[in-house]
Amino acid sequence: MSEALAVAAGLAQSHGIGVDLWRVDDWAALAQEGIACERRWRKGEGREVQSRFERLLAPTQGPILAVTRAPRELPEMVRAFVPAGRRFLSLSGDDVAALREAALRLDGETDIEQSKLSAI
């Protein structure tokens, strides 16, 4: 989480890009709640039933980047519940390590910042 906070601060300071950071302890629980909400909607138990994940992300803007040390399949379980029109990218520990390694190979701070931006 500390690396994510540092990247968020750098993006805000250097590029004026605001970042909302959220910690997810249980991707499966978020997915199960989303599925339960869809089921209630299909049964006609509400015109619009949103999961907690959808409600929390609704007021935010921009792409959604899910970074986890767990297997990438876990954050992918919530892809169906990302607000319409939003880009969703998930990175697992191996993906993050590859991004970090690529950034270190580049020369200069600007290139490292650019690699952070390209991840988004």
Foldseek 3Di string as FASTA:
>chain_A
DVVVVVLQVCCCVVPVDHDDDDDDPALPVQLVQQVVQVVCVVVVVDVDGAGPVLVVCVVPDAAAEAEEQDDQVSNVSCVVRHPPPHHYHYYHPVRVVVLVVVLVPDDDPVSNNVSSVVSD
